[in-house]
Structure formats: structure tokens, C-alpha cells
PDB file of N, CA and C in Angstrom:
ATOM      1  N   UNK A   1     -43.886 -22.876  -9.740  1.00  0.00           N
ATOM      2  CA  UNK A   1     -42.594 -22.436  -9.268  1.00  0.00           C
ATOM      3  C   UNK A   1     -42.182 -21.121  -9.933  1.00  0.00           C
ATOM      4  N   UNK A   2     -42.553 -20.947 -11.180  1.00  0.00           N
ATOM      5  CA  UNK A   2     -42.193 -19.706 -11.868  1.00  0.00           C
ATOM      6  C   UNK A   2     -42.860 -18.502 -11.205  1.00  0.00           C
ATOM      7  N   UNK A   3     -44.084 -18.682 -10.746  1.00  0.00           N
ATOM      8  CA  UNK A   3     -44.781 -17.586 -10.058  1.00  0.00           C
ATOM      9  C   UNK A   3     -44.076 -17.263  -8.750  1.00  0.00           C
ATOM     10  N   UNK A   4     -43.791 -18.283  -7.957  1.00  0.00           N
ATOM     11  CA  UNK A   4     -43.099 -18.054  -6.686  1.00  0.00           C
ATOM     12  C   UNK A   4     -41.736 -17.414  -6.921  1.00  0.00           C
ATOM     13  N   UNK A   5     -41.031 -17.858  -7.942  1.00  0.00           N
ATOM     14  CA  UNK A   5     -39.726 -17.279  -8.256  1.00  0.00           C
ATOM     15  C   UNK A   5     -39.834 -15.802  -8.597  1.00  0.00           C
ATOM     16  N   UNK A   6     -40.832 -15.440  -9.381  1.00  0.00           N
ATOM     17  CA  UNK A   6     -41.014 -14.033  -9.746  1.00  0.00           C
ATOM     18  C   UNK A   6     -41.289 -13.176  -8.520  1.00  0.00           C
ATOM     19  N   UNK A   7     -42.182 -13.656  -7.648  1.00  0.00           N
ATOM     20  CA  UNK A   7     -42.519 -12.891  -6.444  1.00  0.00           C
ATOM     21  C   UNK A   7     -41.310 -12.829  -5.498  1.00  0.00           C
ATOM     22  N   UNK A   8     -40.592 -13.918  -5.368  1.00  0.00           N
ATOM     23  CA  UNK A   8     -39.415 -13.930  -4.491  1.00  0.00           C
ATOM     24  C   UNK A   8     -38.363 -12.928  -4.951  1.00  0.00           C
ATOM     25  N   UNK A   9     -38.316 -12.667  -6.247  1.00  0.00           N
ATOM     26  CA  UNK A   9     -37.349 -11.703  -6.781  1.00  0.00           C
ATOM     27  C   UNK A   9     -37.889 -10.277  -6.823  1.00  0.00           C
ATOM     28  N   UNK A  10     -39.029 -10.029  -6.194  1.00  0.00           N
ATOM     29  CA  UNK A  10     -39.503  -8.662  -6.023  1.00  0.00           C
ATOM     30  C   UNK A  10     -40.598  -8.209  -6.957  1.00  0.00           C
ATOM     31  N   UNK A  11     -41.017  -9.044  -7.885  1.00  0.00           N
ATOM     32  CA  UNK A  11     -42.138  -8.661  -8.733  1.00  0.00           C
ATOM     33  C   UNK A  11     -43.414  -8.869  -7.930  1.00  0.00           C
ATOM     34  N   UNK A  12     -44.284  -7.874  -7.926  1.00  0.00           N
ATOM     35  CA  UNK A  12     -45.428  -8.003  -7.019  1.00  0.00           C
ATOM     36  C   UNK A  12     -46.789  -7.704  -7.633  1.00  0.00           C
ATOM     37  N   UNK A  13     -46.825  -7.192  -8.846  1.00  0.00           N
ATOM     38  CA  UNK A  13     -48.122  -6.946  -9.471  1.00  0.00           C
ATOM     39  C   UNK A  13     -48.473  -8.088 -10.416  1.00  0.00           C
ATOM     40  N   UNK A  14     -49.763  -8.227 -10.684  1.00  0.00           N
ATOM     41  CA  UNK A  14     -50.252  -9.285 -11.568  1.00  0.00           C
ATOM     42  C   UNK A  14     -49.517  -9.249 -12.902  1.00  0.00           C
ATOM     43  N   UNK A  15     -49.416  -8.070 -13.507  1.00  0.00           N
ATOM     44  CA  UNK A  15     -48.827  -7.969 -14.842  1.00  0.00           C
ATOM     45  C   UNK A  15     -47.332  -8.258 -14.831  1.00  0.00           C
ATOM     46  N   UNK A  16     -46.614  -7.791 -13.810  1.00  0.00           N
ATOM     47  CA  UNK A  16     -45.177  -8.088 -13.720  1.00  0.00           C
ATOM     48  C   UNK A  16     -44.929  -9.585 -13.567  1.00  0.00           C
ATOM     49  N   UNK A  17     -45.698 -10.198 -12.697  1.00  0.00           N
ATOM     50  CA  UNK A  17     -45.530 -11.634 -12.447  1.00  0.00           C
ATOM     51  C   UNK A  17     -45.870 -12.421 -13.709  1.00  0.00           C
ATOM     52  N   UNK A  18     -46.968 -12.073 -14.359  1.00  0.00           N
ATOM     53  CA  UNK A  18     -47.384 -12.807 -15.566  1.00  0.00           C
ATOM     54  C   UNK A  18     -46.338 -12.671 -16.667  1.00  0.00           C
ATOM     55  N   UNK A  19     -45.808 -11.481 -16.878  1.00  0.00           N
ATOM     56  CA  UNK A  19     -44.770 -11.279 -17.892  1.00  0.00           C
ATOM     57  C   UNK A  19     -43.560 -12.159 -17.620  1.00  0.00           C
ATOM     58  N   UNK A  20     -43.125 -12.190 -16.370  1.00  0.00           N
ATOM     59  CA  UNK A  20     -41.966 -12.990 -15.986  1.00  0.00           C
ATOM     60  C   UNK A  20     -42.238 -14.478 -16.208  1.00  0.00           C
ATOM     61  N   UNK A  21     -43.403 -14.929 -15.809  1.00  0.00           N
ATOM     62  CA  UNK A  21     -43.765 -16.342 -15.981  1.00  0.00           C
ATOM     63  C   UNK A  21     -43.780 -16.703 -17.461  1.00  0.00           C
ATOM     64  N   UNK A  22     -44.328 -15.830 -18.292  1.00  0.00           N
ATOM     65  CA  UNK A  22     -44.390 -16.130 -19.724  1.00  0.00           C
ATOM     66  C   UNK A  22     -43.006 -16.176 -20.359  1.00  0.00           C
ATOM     67  N   UNK A  23     -42.081 -15.380 -19.855  1.00  0.00           N
ATOM     68  CA  UNK A  23     -40.702 -15.453 -20.352  1.00  0.00           C
ATOM     69  C   UNK A  23     -40.098 -16.819 -20.014  1.00  0.00           C
ATOM     70  N   UNK A  24     -40.405 -17.311 -18.828  1.00  0.00           N
ATOM     71  CA  UNK A  24     -39.818 -18.576 -18.371  1.00  0.00           C
ATOM     72  C   UNK A  24     -40.488 -19.803 -18.967  1.00  0.00           C
ATOM     73  N   UNK A  25     -41.824 -19.793 -19.080  1.00  0.00           N
ATOM     74  CA  UNK A  25     -42.524 -21.026 -19.460  1.00  0.00           C
ATOM     75  C   UNK A  25     -43.343 -20.902 -20.744  1.00  0.00           C
ATOM     76  N   UNK A  26     -43.427 -19.729 -21.313  1.00  0.00           N
ATOM     77  CA  UNK A  26     -44.231 -19.557 -22.517  1.00  0.00           C
ATOM     78  C   UNK A  26     -45.587 -18.953 -22.199  1.00  0.00           C
ATOM     79  N   UNK A  27     -46.363 -18.776 -23.235  1.00  0.00           N
ATOM     80  CA  UNK A  27     -47.666 -18.125 -23.105  1.00  0.00           C
ATOM     81  C   UNK A  27     -48.593 -18.904 -22.173  1.00  0.00           C
ATOM     82  N   UNK A  28     -49.348 -18.155 -21.394  1.00  0.00           N
ATOM     83  CA  UNK A  28     -50.331 -18.739 -20.472  1.00  0.00           C
ATOM     84  C   UNK A  28     -51.565 -17.852 -20.489  1.00  0.00           C
ATOM     85  N   UNK A  29     -52.724 -18.466 -20.534  1.00  0.00           N
ATOM     86  CA  UNK A  29     -53.956 -17.671 -20.582  1.00  0.00           C
ATOM     87  C   UNK A  29     -54.173 -16.949 -19.253  1.00  0.00           C
ATOM     88  N   UNK A  30     -54.881 -15.840 -19.319  1.00  0.00           N
ATOM     89  CA  UNK A  30     -55.202 -15.091 -18.103  1.00  0.00           C
ATOM     90  C   UNK A  30     -56.005 -15.946 -17.133  1.00  0.00           C
ATOM     91  N   UNK A  31     -56.932 -16.739 -17.658  1.00  0.00           N
ATOM     92  CA  UNK A  31     -57.770 -17.580 -16.805  1.00  0.00           C
ATOM     93  C   UNK A  31     -56.906 -18.574 -16.037  1.00  0.00           C
ATOM     94  N   UNK A  32     -55.992 -19.257 -16.722  1.00  0.00           N
ATOM     95  CA  UNK A  32     -55.125 -20.237 -16.067  1.00  0.00           C
ATOM     96  C   UNK A  32     -54.182 -19.559 -15.078  1.00  0.00           C
ATOM     97  N   UNK A  33     -53.638 -18.424 -15.461  1.00  0.00           N
ATOM     98  CA  UNK A  33     -52.728 -17.693 -14.572  1.00  0.00           C
ATOM     99  C   UNK A  33     -53.450 -17.273 -13.292  1.00  0.00           C
ATOM    100  N   UNK A  34     -54.676 -16.759 -13.431  1.00  0.00           N
ATOM    101  CA  UNK A  34     -55.463 -16.370 -12.253  1.00  0.00           C
ATOM    102  C   UNK A  34     -55.750 -17.571 -11.364  1.00  0.00           C
ATOM    103  N   UNK A  35     -56.039 -18.694 -11.969  1.00  0.00           N
ATOM    104  CA  UNK A  35     -56.287 -19.917 -11.204  1.00  0.00           C
ATOM    105  C   UNK A  35     -55.045 -20.320 -10.397  1.00  0.00           C
ATOM    106  N   UNK A  36     -53.883 -20.251 -11.018  1.00  0.00           N
ATOM    107  CA  UNK A  36     -52.641 -20.598 -10.316  1.00  0.00           C
ATOM    108  C   UNK A  36     -52.365 -19.631  -9.168  1.00  0.00           C
ATOM    109  N   UNK A  37     -52.555 -18.339  -9.407  1.00  0.00           N
ATOM    110  CA  UNK A  37     -52.364 -17.344  -8.343  1.00  0.00           C
ATOM    111  C   UNK A  37     -53.325 -17.596  -7.184  1.00  0.00           C
ATOM    112  N   UNK A  38     -54.606 -17.820  -7.505  1.00  0.00           N
ATOM    113  CA  UNK A  38     -55.600 -18.085  -6.457  1.00  0.00           C
ATOM    114  C   UNK A  38     -55.217 -19.299  -5.627  1.00  0.00           C
ATOM    115  N   UNK A  39     -54.752 -20.350  -6.279  1.00  0.00           N
ATOM    116  CA  UNK A  39     -54.353 -21.553  -5.543  1.00  0.00           C
ATOM    117  C   UNK A  39     -53.173 -21.277  -4.624  1.00  0.00           C
ATOM    118  N   UNK A  40     -52.187 -20.529  -5.103  1.00  0.00           N
ATOM    119  CA  UNK A  40     -51.027 -20.211  -4.261  1.00  0.00           C
ATOM    120  C   UNK A  40     -51.438 -19.358  -3.058  1.00  0.00           C
ATOM    121  N   UNK A  41     -52.385 -18.466  -3.254  1.00  0.00           N
ATOM    122  CA  UNK A  41     -52.908 -17.670  -2.131  1.00  0.00           C
ATOM    123  C   UNK A  41     -53.694 -18.571  -1.180  1.00  0.00           C
ATOM    124  N   UNK A  42     -54.545 -19.409  -1.735  1.00  0.00           N
ATOM    125  CA  UNK A  42     -55.381 -20.291  -0.904  1.00  0.00           C
ATOM    126  C   UNK A  42     -54.519 -21.204  -0.022  1.00  0.00           C
ATOM    127  N   UNK A  43     -53.422 -21.708  -0.560  1.00  0.00           N
ATOM    128  CA  UNK A  43     -52.567 -22.623   0.204  1.00  0.00           C
ATOM    129  C   UNK A  43     -51.527 -21.912   1.062  1.00  0.00           C
ATOM    130  N   UNK A  44     -51.529 -20.572   1.031  1.00  0.00           N
ATOM    131  CA  UNK A  44     -50.668 -19.803   1.918  1.00  0.00           C
ATOM    132  C   UNK A  44     -49.266 -19.533   1.402  1.00  0.00           C
ATOM    133  N   UNK A  45     -48.976 -19.922   0.176  1.00  0.00           N
ATOM    134  CA  UNK A  45     -47.644 -19.641  -0.375  1.00  0.00           C
ATOM    135  C   UNK A  45     -47.507 -18.187  -0.791  1.00  0.00           C
ATOM    136  N   UNK A  46     -48.623 -17.570  -1.153  1.00  0.00           N
ATOM    137  CA  UNK A  46     -48.661 -16.147  -1.490  1.00  0.00           C
ATOM    138  C   UNK A  46     -49.754 -15.480  -0.677  1.00  0.00           C
ATOM    139  N   UNK A  47     -49.610 -14.175  -0.518  1.00  0.00           N
ATOM    140  CA  UNK A  47     -50.667 -13.354   0.064  1.00  0.00           C
ATOM    141  C   UNK A  47     -50.872 -12.167  -0.865  1.00  0.00           C
ATOM    142  N   UNK A  48     -52.115 -11.713  -0.971  1.00  0.00           N
ATOM    143  CA  UNK A  48     -52.426 -10.548  -1.791  1.00  0.00           C
ATOM    144  C   UNK A  48     -52.844  -9.424  -0.865  1.00  0.00           C
ATOM    145  N   UNK A  49     -52.088  -8.338  -0.928  1.00  0.00           N
ATOM    146  CA  UNK A  49     -52.349  -7.173  -0.089  1.00  0.00           C
ATOM    147  C   UNK A  49     -52.370  -5.942  -0.991  1.00  0.00           C
ATOM    148  N   UNK A  50     -53.527  -5.284  -1.053  1.00  0.00           N
ATOM    149  CA  UNK A  50     -53.675  -4.083  -1.894  1.00  0.00           C
ATOM    150  C   UNK A  50     -53.214  -4.315  -3.324  1.00  0.00           C
ATOM    151  N   UNK A  51     -53.666  -5.393  -3.928  1.00  0.00           N
ATOM    152  CA  UNK A  51     -53.344  -5.746  -5.316  1.00  0.00           C
ATOM    153  C   UNK A  51     -51.866  -6.033  -5.560  1.00  0.00           C
ATOM    154  N   UNK A  52     -51.132  -6.321  -4.511  1.00  0.00           N
ATOM    155  CA  UNK A  52     -49.724  -6.718  -4.616  1.00  0.00           C
ATOM    156  C   UNK A  52     -49.580  -8.103  -4.003  1.00  0.00           C
ATOM    157  N   UNK A  53     -48.716  -8.902  -4.591  1.00  0.00           N
ATOM    158  CA  UNK A  53     -48.485 -10.255  -4.098  1.00  0.00           C
ATOM    159  C   UNK A  53     -47.160 -10.318  -3.348  1.00  0.00           C
ATOM    160  N   UNK A  54     -47.167 -11.041  -2.231  1.00  0.00           N
ATOM    161  CA  UNK A  54     -45.957 -11.262  -1.434  1.00  0.00           C
ATOM    162  C   UNK A  54     -45.899 -12.728  -1.032  1.00  0.00           C
ATOM    163  N   UNK A  55     -44.716 -13.157  -0.644  1.00  0.00           N
ATOM    164  CA  UNK A  55     -44.557 -14.466  -0.026  1.00  0.00           C
ATOM    165  C   UNK A  55     -44.517 -14.206   1.477  1.00  0.00           C
ATOM    166  N   UNK A  56     -45.578 -14.573   2.208  1.00  0.00           N
ATOM    167  CA  UNK A  56     -45.662 -14.198   3.620  1.00  0.00           C
ATOM    168  C   UNK A  56     -44.714 -14.977   4.531  1.00  0.00           C
ATOM    169  N   UNK A  57     -44.315 -16.153   4.135  1.00  0.00           N
ATOM    170  CA  UNK A  57     -43.444 -16.985   4.971  1.00  0.00           C
ATOM    171  C   UNK A  57     -41.994 -16.795   4.530  1.00  0.00           C
ATOM    172  N   UNK A  58     -41.154 -16.220   5.385  1.00  0.00           N
ATOM    173  CA  UNK A  58     -39.765 -15.974   4.993  1.00  0.00           C
ATOM    174  C   UNK A  58     -38.995 -17.252   4.651  1.00  0.00           C
ATOM    175  N   UNK A  59     -39.369 -18.378   5.220  1.00  0.00           N
ATOM    176  CA  UNK A  59     -38.676 -19.632   4.897  1.00  0.00           C
ATOM    177  C   UNK A  59     -39.027 -20.103   3.487  1.00  0.00           C
ATOM    178  N   UNK A  60     -40.250 -19.889   3.061  1.00  0.00           N
ATOM    179  CA  UNK A  60     -40.631 -20.236   1.694  1.00  0.00           C
ATOM    180  C   UNK A  60     -39.844 -19.361   0.719  1.00  0.00           C
ATOM    181  N   UNK A  61     -39.789 -18.060   0.996  1.00  0.00           N
ATOM    182  CA  UNK A  61     -39.036 -17.149   0.126  1.00  0.00           C
ATOM    183  C   UNK A  61     -37.563 -17.540   0.084  1.00  0.00           C
ATOM    184  N   UNK A  62     -36.981 -17.835   1.220  1.00  0.00           N
ATOM    185  CA  UNK A  62     -35.584 -18.248   1.284  1.00  0.00           C
ATOM    186  C   UNK A  62     -35.352 -19.507   0.451  1.00  0.00           C
ATOM    187  N   UNK A  63     -36.237 -20.466   0.585  1.00  0.00           N
ATOM    188  CA  UNK A  63     -36.102 -21.722  -0.145  1.00  0.00           C
ATOM    189  C   UNK A  63     -36.211 -21.496  -1.649  1.00  0.00           C
ATOM    190  N   UNK A  64     -37.174 -20.702  -2.067  1.00  0.00           N
ATOM    191  CA  UNK A  64     -37.338 -20.416  -3.491  1.00  0.00           C
ATOM    192  C   UNK A  64     -36.086 -19.747  -4.042  1.00  0.00           C
ATOM    193  N   UNK A  65     -35.566 -18.772  -3.324  1.00  0.00           N
ATOM    194  CA  UNK A  65     -34.397 -18.028  -3.806  1.00  0.00           C
ATOM    195  C   UNK A  65     -33.112 -18.858  -3.786  1.00  0.00           C
ATOM    196  N   UNK A  66     -32.942 -19.715  -2.804  1.00  0.00           N
ATOM    197  CA  UNK A  66     -31.657 -20.366  -2.622  1.00  0.00           C
ATOM    198  C   UNK A  66     -31.566 -21.812  -3.062  1.00  0.00           C
ATOM    199  N   UNK A  67     -32.686 -22.479  -3.199  1.00  0.00           N
ATOM    200  CA  UNK A  67     -32.621 -23.905  -3.490  1.00  0.00           C
ATOM    201  C   UNK A  67     -33.378 -24.344  -4.730  1.00  0.00           C
ATOM    202  N   UNK A  68     -34.256 -23.512  -5.219  1.00  0.00           N
ATOM    203  CA  UNK A  68     -35.064 -23.959  -6.341  1.00  0.00           C
ATOM    204  C   UNK A  68     -34.651 -23.328  -7.659  1.00  0.00           C
ATOM    205  N   UNK A  69     -33.559 -22.595  -7.652  1.00  0.00           N
ATOM    206  CA  UNK A  69     -32.982 -22.086  -8.889  1.00  0.00           C
ATOM    207  C   UNK A  69     -33.809 -21.086  -9.663  1.00  0.00           C
ATOM    208  N   UNK A  70     -34.639 -20.333  -8.973  1.00  0.00           N
ATOM    209  CA  UNK A  70     -35.446 -19.330  -9.675  1.00  0.00           C
ATOM    210  C   UNK A  70     -34.913 -18.007  -9.345  1.00  0.00           C
TER     211      UNK A  70
END
């Protein structure tokens, strides 16, 4: 959820998202962070375009911003 929250708020690069996630949940290894990003892309919650991450479904973004408190 921290990753989705960061992307929903406009952070789109790997380093920006990771920094935000670490502020919210604490230190996370690069390997684990990459695994989480890959899973979110694989399941369609995120898309990676030119090394930038977006939430492709506007309803997912709306839900993250308005109902999940991120």
C-alpha cells in the first residue's frame, strides 16, 4: 500500500518511491523493493513506462487517494 500511495501522490521514479516507502515503513532492501514493484506491475496495479511508474487504472488511483489514507 505504501508503494501505491507514493505513486498515487505523483512520485514516479524508483528512487522517489523507495524513499517515500522507507519513510512510511522503515528500511527495505533493494531486492525486496524490486520484488514488490514487479508484483504490482505483474498484477496490473502499476505500469512501468520509460522507467517511470504510474497507476494505469484511474479507479485504483482514486481508491488509494480517497479511501486508503495514503
